[in-house]
Structures are given as C-alpha cells and as structure tokens.
Amino acid sequence: MPVGFQVYDQEHEVPAKRGNVVDLWGVEEDWEFPTDGSLALRPEPLAPAKSLDEREEEPPKPALFGLKALASFVTVPRMATTEAPGFAARARQREREEARAKARRARRTAALVVIACGCLVALLLTAFGRGGEGAVTITGPAPAARLLPAGPPRPQIVAMHDSLRIQLPVNQSRVTALGYHASGTAALPLDPVGTQANAGLAERIFRRLFGSSGGGVSYYLLEGGVGAETGGLDVGAPIDTDVYAPVDGSVIAITDNVVNGKAYGVTVEIQPSGSPGVVVTLSNVRADPALTVGSTVSAGRTKIGRIIDLSEVERAGLARYTQDNGQHVHIEVHPATALTSP
C-alpha cells in the first residue's frame, strides 16, 4: 500500500481510522545522499491532510517518483590491467637486446670509417708520393752505362725566360733530377716547363683530377738562397757527363769558378741569339779544350765541357732527390749589363 494514503470504508462512506505509518526512509539525519539518494526512489513529500469534500473537488493527481539528482560527479581511477605472466620480463629483455644491437652497429660504423680513412690516405700517398724525400747517398760506384759517352741530348725545352728557350744540356739518359732554387738577386726568374714533383698534396690531387699536369719533365723546388725561387736551375747528372749548350749563341766569357779561394771548374757565359739583353751562364763544369771566347754554339749540339765534383766544398740541395751527392750543371740567366767579359 502506498505510504501516505488513507483507507475509506465504502459501506458507511466515512474515513477509516488511520493506521500506523512506518517511515521507511528514516529521518533526514540518517540520509546519505551519495549512497541512498542514488540507489532509491523518493516520492513527493506528503501534503497536509484534507477533508473529504476538498478531496472530491480536486481531480486526482498521479504520484510522482524520480531519481534523486546528483549535484556533482567523481573521477574513478582506471582499473589496473593484469599483464600476462612473463610479459614484462620479455619486454625488458627485448629492450636490452635492441640496445646491444644498436651499440654493435655504432662500433662497426666507426671501425669502417677509420678503415676507409686509412685506405684513402694510403691510396693518396701511393698515387701521388710524398712532398719531400730523405737524402739518399750512393753506396757504390756508378753503373757502367753511366760512365760511357752518351752523346748529345734530344731537343727538349726545360725552362723559359720571356721568349728565350733553354734546352736540356745533358743527354736524357744521364739526368738524375732537375731542381730550381734561389740564386741571388741578380739572377732572373725562370719559368719551369714540366711538373713540380714535390708540390703539396692538395696541388697534386688537383692536377691528377683535372689533368693540369703541365707536361714536360718533373722538377723540384729546392730551399735556400735569396732572390727569385726559380733563379737557378740545377740539372743533375753523374760526374764527367758531357754538357752541351742550352741555347744558340756565342761564348762571351770563360772564367774560373772560385770557391774558398780555390778554382773548381769554370763558368761559361753565352750571349743568346735573338736575346741581346740577357746572358746565359753555365757553371760546375770543366771547359772543353775546343771552346774559346767568341765560339759559336748550337743548342744541344756544341759541347761545353763536363760536370765536375763539388761535393767536398758544397752540399747540393739536389742530393735529397738523387742517388749520388747531387752533382749537376748549374744554369742562370742574368741581364747583359750585370756581367762583364774579361
């Protein structure tokens, strides 16, 4: 029976006695809103008792029931999921294996880079050689072929000064090395025809890649001296090698080459044909008996003399690149006014 309704006696049409009504909801102090209000239905509050006439005049009203509304909400933490047995251990093992594999790959990459750099350096040194070589001295007598007469050289230009062309003065088979060095302020600079053998690594790589080798013979730039770094040309060859005129012209002077007060060979001065403003000199030679002042010489055909040994009075810079003491014939070009004939 709904709580709060009265029972009528239909026979006598008088209200029956009110029974004992038990409040199922308890008092307000015992009411827990979050719990009881969310789980139970609460009817509308009871209205004051009315007489029979008042109730007959009013149309009956349906009883209203509803859920007690909540004024707020709460956030419930996510329920923890249960992992399969051994899943965490396998995940950690997989992470460790991936870290070790990454470390191995990094070590292999570093090792390959180091090996590649070493191979590249070795390849460059092998392909282009080193810029400087240590001094090498001869340990025995010269080969027999070096002691035999070789004859005049083939025409080959090794240096130039403006329009003046200087040819190789000794036979090609006798040449040990060619070197340029500073030879005083009076010597005019020469333009080498060929390739510098002791150039820097970057320059040699550039020449090899782009083909600008320069052609001709290989030469070295030697240290020491004052003046233009290509003022003097040393043409290395064994002792007693025949020396021929490097230009066409006429002999204007033959003078002793004095070192420490002692004569070591002679210096031959040649006035080139077509270049009256300069004089070509050759030294470190023993003059040929047939050569005299005023003799006409032809490049590569007229014998000037033979190379002498100066190792006891000077250390030749060319010795760093030859298998002997660097014996050579020395060539310079001077202005014609800077030299005087005897």
Protein backbone atom coordinates (compact mmCIF):
# COMPACT_ATOMS: atom_id res chain seq x y z
CA MET A 1 0.00 0.00 0.00
CA PRO A 2 1.43 3.39 -0.93
CA VAL A 3 2.61 5.33 2.02
CA GLY A 4 0.66 8.47 2.83
CA PHE A 5 -2.83 7.36 1.54
CA GLN A 6 -5.89 6.89 3.76
CA VAL A 7 -8.32 3.93 3.60
CA TYR A 8 -12.10 4.55 3.29
CA ASP A 9 -14.96 2.43 4.40
CA GLN A 10 -17.15 2.28 1.27
CA GLU A 11 -20.20 0.99 3.11
CA HIS A 12 -20.60 3.86 5.53
CA GLU A 13 -18.66 6.38 3.45
CA VAL A 14 -16.68 7.51 6.43
CA PRO A 15 -12.93 7.52 6.62
CA ALA A 16 -11.46 4.61 8.37
CA LYS A 17 -9.09 5.03 11.17
CA ARG A 18 -5.60 5.96 10.18
CA GLY A 19 -3.21 3.10 10.59
CA ASN A 20 0.28 3.19 11.85
CA VAL A 21 2.50 4.56 9.13
CA VAL A 22 6.11 3.50 9.23
CA ASP A 23 8.62 5.87 7.68
CA LEU A 24 10.76 3.58 5.54
CA TRP A 25 13.21 6.30 4.72
CA GLY A 26 14.26 7.24 8.20
CA VAL A 27 14.95 10.70 9.41
CA GLU A 28 16.92 13.29 7.50
CA GLU A 29 19.96 12.96 9.74
CA ASP A 30 20.33 9.30 8.67
CA TRP A 31 20.09 10.09 4.98
CA GLU A 32 23.31 9.56 2.97
CA PHE A 33 22.99 11.49 -0.24
CA PRO A 34 25.68 9.83 -2.40
CA THR A 35 24.53 6.34 -1.43
CA ASP A 36 20.77 6.33 -0.60
CA GLY A 37 19.90 9.13 -2.98
CA SER A 38 21.45 7.40 -5.97
CA LEU A 39 20.02 3.96 -5.28
CA ALA A 40 16.44 4.63 -4.08
CA LEU A 41 13.31 6.30 -5.28
CA ARG A 42 11.92 9.14 -3.25
CA PRO A 43 8.22 10.05 -3.51
CA GLU A 44 6.97 13.57 -3.42
CA PRO A 45 6.60 14.89 0.15
CA LEU A 46 3.21 14.35 1.78
CA ALA A 47 0.71 17.19 1.62
CA PRO A 48 -1.33 18.20 4.70
CA ALA A 49 -4.49 16.10 5.28
CA LYS A 50 -7.62 17.44 3.59
CA SER A 51 -11.30 16.86 4.20
CA LEU A 52 -13.41 14.56 2.06
CA ASP A 53 -15.17 17.45 0.37
CA GLU A 54 -11.86 19.09 -0.54
CA ARG A 55 -10.55 15.89 -1.95
CA GLU A 56 -13.67 15.26 -4.05
CA GLU A 57 -13.47 18.71 -5.57
CA GLU A 58 -9.83 18.26 -6.69
CA PRO A 59 -9.03 15.97 -9.56
CA PRO A 60 -6.82 13.10 -8.57
CA LYS A 61 -3.04 13.67 -9.14
CA PRO A 62 -0.74 10.87 -10.10
CA ALA A 63 2.04 10.11 -7.73
CA LEU A 64 5.40 11.34 -8.97
CA PHE A 65 8.51 9.39 -8.44
CA GLY A 66 12.05 10.05 -9.69
CA LEU A 67 15.70 9.59 -9.12
CA LYS A 68 17.40 11.99 -6.81
CA ALA A 69 19.65 14.15 -8.98
CA LEU A 70 23.37 14.33 -8.25
CA ALA A 71 24.91 17.74 -7.82
CA SER A 72 28.43 16.66 -8.86
CA PHE A 73 30.49 13.80 -10.23
CA VAL A 74 33.62 11.97 -9.23
CA THR A 75 36.56 10.56 -11.28
CA VAL A 76 37.33 6.94 -10.68
CA PRO A 77 40.97 5.86 -11.32
CA ARG A 78 41.46 3.47 -14.17
CA MET A 79 41.41 -0.09 -13.13
CA ALA A 80 44.82 -1.72 -13.37
CA THR A 81 45.13 -4.37 -16.04
CA THR A 82 46.71 -7.66 -15.32
CA GLU A 83 49.62 -8.49 -17.66
CA ALA A 84 50.25 -11.93 -18.87
CA PRO A 85 52.85 -13.82 -16.83
CA GLY A 86 56.39 -13.07 -18.10
CA PHE A 87 55.33 -10.24 -20.41
CA ALA A 88 57.28 -7.51 -18.56
CA ALA A 89 60.41 -9.66 -18.38
CA ARG A 90 60.27 -10.38 -22.12
CA ALA A 91 59.80 -6.68 -22.88
CA ARG A 92 62.83 -5.73 -20.78
CA GLN A 93 64.91 -8.47 -22.43
CA ARG A 94 63.88 -7.22 -25.88
CA GLU A 95 64.86 -3.64 -24.97
CA ARG A 96 68.28 -4.80 -23.76
CA GLU A 97 68.87 -6.78 -26.96
CA GLU A 98 67.90 -3.77 -29.10
CA ALA A 99 70.32 -1.53 -27.14
CA ARG A 100 73.16 -4.03 -27.58
CA ALA A 101 72.44 -4.35 -31.32
CA LYS A 102 72.47 -0.56 -31.70
CA ALA A 103 75.81 -0.33 -29.87
CA ARG A 104 77.28 -3.05 -32.13
CA ARG A 105 76.13 -1.21 -35.24
CA ALA A 106 77.69 2.03 -33.98
CA ARG A 107 81.02 0.29 -33.31
CA ARG A 108 81.02 -1.34 -36.75
CA THR A 109 80.26 2.00 -38.42
CA ALA A 110 83.10 3.74 -36.55
CA ALA A 111 85.53 0.95 -37.45
CA LEU A 112 84.56 1.13 -41.13
CA VAL A 113 85.06 4.91 -41.15
CA VAL A 114 88.53 4.56 -39.62
CA ILE A 115 89.49 1.82 -42.11
CA ALA A 116 88.17 3.87 -45.04
CA CYS A 117 90.17 6.94 -43.95
CA GLY A 118 93.32 4.83 -43.61
CA CYS A 119 92.83 3.31 -47.04
CA LEU A 120 92.24 6.75 -48.57
CA VAL A 121 95.42 8.17 -47.03
CA ALA A 122 97.43 5.15 -48.17
CA LEU A 123 95.96 5.44 -51.67
CA LEU A 124 96.80 9.13 -51.90
CA LEU A 125 100.35 8.59 -50.66
CA THR A 126 100.81 5.73 -53.11
CA ALA A 127 99.29 7.57 -56.06
CA PHE A 128 100.90 10.95 -55.56
CA GLY A 129 104.01 10.24 -53.49
CA ARG A 130 105.31 12.36 -50.65
CA GLY A 131 106.24 16.02 -50.89
CA GLY A 132 109.79 15.53 -49.63
CA GLU A 133 112.23 12.66 -49.71
CA GLY A 134 115.08 11.94 -47.36
CA ALA A 135 118.64 12.38 -48.55
CA VAL A 136 119.99 9.29 -50.29
CA THR A 137 123.72 8.85 -50.82
CA ILE A 138 125.28 6.49 -53.31
CA THR A 139 126.73 3.35 -51.70
CA GLY A 140 128.80 2.12 -54.63
CA PRO A 141 130.29 3.10 -57.96
CA ALA A 142 128.04 4.39 -60.73
CA PRO A 143 126.71 1.83 -63.23
CA ALA A 144 128.93 1.17 -66.21
CA ALA A 145 126.36 2.62 -68.58
CA ARG A 146 126.68 5.97 -66.78
CA LEU A 147 130.44 6.08 -67.46
CA LEU A 148 130.15 5.57 -71.21
CA PRO A 149 129.68 8.55 -73.57
CA ALA A 150 126.01 9.20 -74.16
CA GLY A 151 126.19 11.77 -76.93
CA PRO A 152 124.18 14.98 -77.27
CA PRO A 153 120.64 15.22 -75.86
CA ARG A 154 117.44 15.21 -77.87
CA PRO A 155 115.97 18.71 -78.25
CA GLN A 156 113.83 19.31 -75.13
CA ILE A 157 112.90 22.64 -73.57
CA VAL A 158 113.09 22.61 -69.78
CA ALA A 159 112.76 26.33 -68.92
CA MET A 160 111.93 29.70 -70.43
CA HIS A 161 112.54 33.37 -69.75
CA ASP A 162 110.20 35.50 -71.80
CA SER A 163 110.88 34.32 -75.38
CA LEU A 164 114.21 32.67 -74.51
CA ARG A 165 114.03 28.88 -74.55
CA ILE A 166 116.53 26.85 -72.54
CA GLN A 167 117.06 23.28 -73.68
CA LEU A 168 118.23 20.29 -71.67
CA PRO A 169 122.08 20.47 -71.67
CA VAL A 170 122.79 16.75 -71.00
CA ASN A 171 121.58 13.51 -72.51
CA GLN A 172 118.20 12.41 -71.14
CA SER A 173 119.60 9.03 -70.08
CA ARG A 174 122.09 10.75 -67.74
CA VAL A 175 119.68 13.11 -65.93
CA THR A 176 119.21 12.25 -62.24
CA ALA A 177 116.94 15.16 -61.27
CA LEU A 178 116.11 18.78 -62.04
CA GLY A 179 115.85 21.40 -59.30
CA TYR A 180 115.16 25.13 -59.10
CA HIS A 181 116.32 27.36 -56.24
CA ALA A 182 117.06 30.98 -55.42
CA SER A 183 120.48 32.02 -56.73
CA GLY A 184 120.96 35.67 -55.80
CA THR A 185 119.19 38.89 -56.61
CA ALA A 186 120.95 39.29 -59.98
CA ALA A 187 119.51 36.05 -61.40
CA LEU A 188 116.34 36.45 -63.43
CA PRO A 189 113.40 34.10 -62.67
CA LEU A 190 112.90 31.14 -64.99
CA ASP A 191 109.61 29.58 -65.95
CA PRO A 192 109.87 25.79 -65.47
CA VAL A 193 108.43 23.62 -68.22
CA GLY A 194 107.13 20.49 -66.55
CA THR A 195 105.56 19.33 -63.32
CA GLN A 196 106.70 20.08 -59.78
CA ALA A 197 107.40 16.70 -58.21
CA ASN A 198 107.44 17.92 -54.61
CA ALA A 199 104.28 20.02 -54.78
CA GLY A 200 101.81 19.90 -51.90
CA LEU A 201 99.32 17.07 -51.65
CA ALA A 202 96.34 19.30 -52.46
CA GLU A 203 98.04 20.62 -55.61
CA ARG A 204 98.97 17.12 -56.78
CA ILE A 205 95.42 15.86 -56.23
CA PHE A 206 94.08 18.84 -58.17
CA ARG A 207 96.45 18.17 -61.06
CA ARG A 208 95.62 14.48 -61.10
CA LEU A 209 91.85 15.06 -61.03
CA PHE A 210 91.74 17.90 -63.57
CA GLY A 211 94.64 16.83 -65.75
CA SER A 212 96.70 20.00 -65.39
CA SER A 213 99.99 18.14 -65.08
CA GLY A 214 101.93 20.73 -67.10
CA GLY A 215 103.67 18.13 -69.29
CA GLY A 216 107.43 18.05 -69.79
CA VAL A 217 109.84 16.74 -67.17
CA SER A 218 109.43 16.63 -63.40
CA TYR A 219 111.38 19.11 -61.30
CA TYR A 220 111.82 20.03 -57.64
CA LEU A 221 111.77 23.37 -55.85
CA LEU A 222 114.80 23.47 -53.55
CA GLU A 223 115.09 25.52 -50.37
CA GLY A 224 117.69 28.15 -49.56
CA GLY A 225 119.25 31.16 -51.21
CA VAL A 226 117.94 34.64 -51.88
CA GLY A 227 116.18 36.16 -54.85
CA ALA A 228 113.65 34.53 -57.18
CA GLU A 229 112.93 30.92 -56.15
CA THR A 230 113.45 29.79 -59.77
CA GLY A 231 116.53 31.93 -60.43
CA GLY A 232 118.89 28.94 -60.67
CA LEU A 233 118.41 25.62 -62.48
CA ASP A 234 120.41 22.54 -61.40
CA VAL A 235 120.47 19.73 -63.97
CA GLY A 236 121.69 16.66 -62.08
CA ALA A 237 123.94 14.12 -63.80
CA PRO A 238 126.94 11.94 -62.82
CA ILE A 239 130.48 13.29 -62.79
CA ASP A 240 132.15 13.61 -66.22
CA THR A 241 128.82 13.70 -68.05
CA ASP A 242 129.11 15.74 -71.26
CA VAL A 243 127.42 19.15 -71.12
CA TYR A 244 126.09 20.83 -74.26
CA ALA A 245 124.99 24.38 -74.98
CA PRO A 246 121.41 25.07 -73.77
CA VAL A 247 120.85 27.93 -76.29
CA ASP A 248 122.06 29.11 -79.64
CA GLY A 249 124.52 31.96 -79.44
CA SER A 250 128.17 32.82 -78.90
CA VAL A 251 130.58 32.46 -75.98
CA ILE A 252 131.42 35.85 -74.47
CA ALA A 253 133.37 34.74 -71.37
CA ILE A 254 135.01 31.73 -69.69
CA THR A 255 136.02 32.40 -66.06
CA ASP A 256 137.20 30.27 -63.16
CA ASN A 257 134.62 29.29 -60.57
CA VAL A 258 136.39 30.11 -57.29
CA VAL A 259 135.19 28.51 -54.03
CA ASN A 260 137.04 29.19 -50.76
CA GLY A 261 139.94 30.65 -52.72
CA LYS A 262 140.29 27.64 -54.99
CA ALA A 263 139.14 27.22 -58.58
CA TYR A 264 136.59 24.48 -59.17
CA GLY A 265 135.82 24.34 -62.85
CA VAL A 266 134.71 27.31 -64.88
CA THR A 267 131.68 29.49 -65.59
CA VAL A 268 130.78 29.85 -69.29
CA GLU A 269 128.75 32.89 -70.41
CA ILE A 270 126.76 32.66 -73.62
CA GLN A 271 125.08 35.53 -75.45
CA PRO A 272 121.84 34.01 -76.88
CA SER A 273 120.95 34.70 -80.49
CA GLY A 274 117.90 36.97 -80.72
CA SER A 275 118.05 37.92 -76.99
CA PRO A 276 120.83 40.52 -76.66
CA GLY A 277 119.51 41.80 -73.33
CA VAL A 278 120.37 38.67 -71.35
CA VAL A 279 123.28 36.29 -70.80
CA VAL A 280 123.05 32.56 -70.04
CA THR A 281 125.70 31.16 -67.69
CA LEU A 282 126.77 27.55 -67.04
CA SER A 283 128.93 26.60 -64.04
CA ASN A 284 130.22 23.49 -62.22
CA VAL A 285 131.80 22.28 -65.45
CA ARG A 286 135.31 21.70 -66.79
CA ALA A 287 135.52 23.54 -70.08
CA ASP A 288 136.07 21.65 -73.28
CA PRO A 289 139.54 22.39 -74.76
CA ALA A 290 137.98 23.34 -78.10
CA LEU A 291 135.77 26.01 -76.52
CA THR A 292 137.06 29.58 -76.66
CA VAL A 293 135.68 33.08 -76.25
CA GLY A 294 133.89 34.04 -79.45
CA SER A 295 132.96 30.44 -80.32
CA THR A 296 129.57 30.00 -81.87
CA VAL A 297 127.45 27.38 -80.10
CA SER A 298 124.34 25.50 -81.13
CA ALA A 299 121.73 24.30 -78.60
CA GLY A 300 122.12 20.59 -77.93
CA ARG A 301 124.97 20.23 -80.44
CA THR A 302 128.02 22.15 -79.22
CA LYS A 303 129.89 20.58 -76.33
CA ILE A 304 130.66 22.99 -73.49
CA GLY A 305 132.52 20.66 -71.13
CA ARG A 306 131.98 18.01 -68.44
CA ILE A 307 130.40 18.01 -64.95
CA ILE A 308 132.86 18.16 -62.04
CA ASP A 309 132.54 17.01 -58.40
CA LEU A 310 131.92 19.80 -55.89
CA SER A 311 130.78 17.57 -53.01
CA GLU A 312 133.90 18.39 -50.96
CA VAL A 313 133.16 22.12 -50.89
CA GLU A 314 129.37 22.29 -51.02
CA ARG A 315 126.34 20.20 -50.23
CA ALA A 316 123.97 20.20 -53.18
CA GLY A 317 120.27 20.56 -52.41
CA LEU A 318 119.59 18.21 -55.32
CA ALA A 319 121.19 15.36 -53.34
CA ARG A 320 117.87 14.91 -51.49
CA TYR A 321 116.33 13.58 -54.68
CA THR A 322 119.20 11.65 -56.30
CA GLN A 323 121.24 8.56 -55.54
CA ASP A 324 124.54 10.46 -55.53
CA ASN A 325 125.88 13.66 -53.99
CA GLY A 326 123.73 15.80 -56.27
CA GLN A 327 126.39 16.60 -58.89
CA HIS A 328 124.95 18.91 -61.52
CA VAL A 329 125.49 21.65 -64.05
CA HIS A 330 124.13 24.99 -62.85
CA ILE A 331 122.32 27.37 -65.26
CA GLU A 332 121.30 31.00 -64.69
CA VAL A 333 120.02 33.91 -66.78
CA HIS A 334 121.31 37.42 -66.00
CA PRO A 335 120.78 40.85 -67.53
CA ALA A 336 123.51 41.53 -70.05
CA THR A 337 124.69 44.66 -68.15
CA ALA A 338 125.16 42.70 -64.92
CA LEU A 339 128.09 40.65 -66.30
CA THR A 340 131.39 41.82 -67.70
CA SER A 341 133.63 39.97 -70.09
CA PRO A 342 137.33 39.62 -69.31
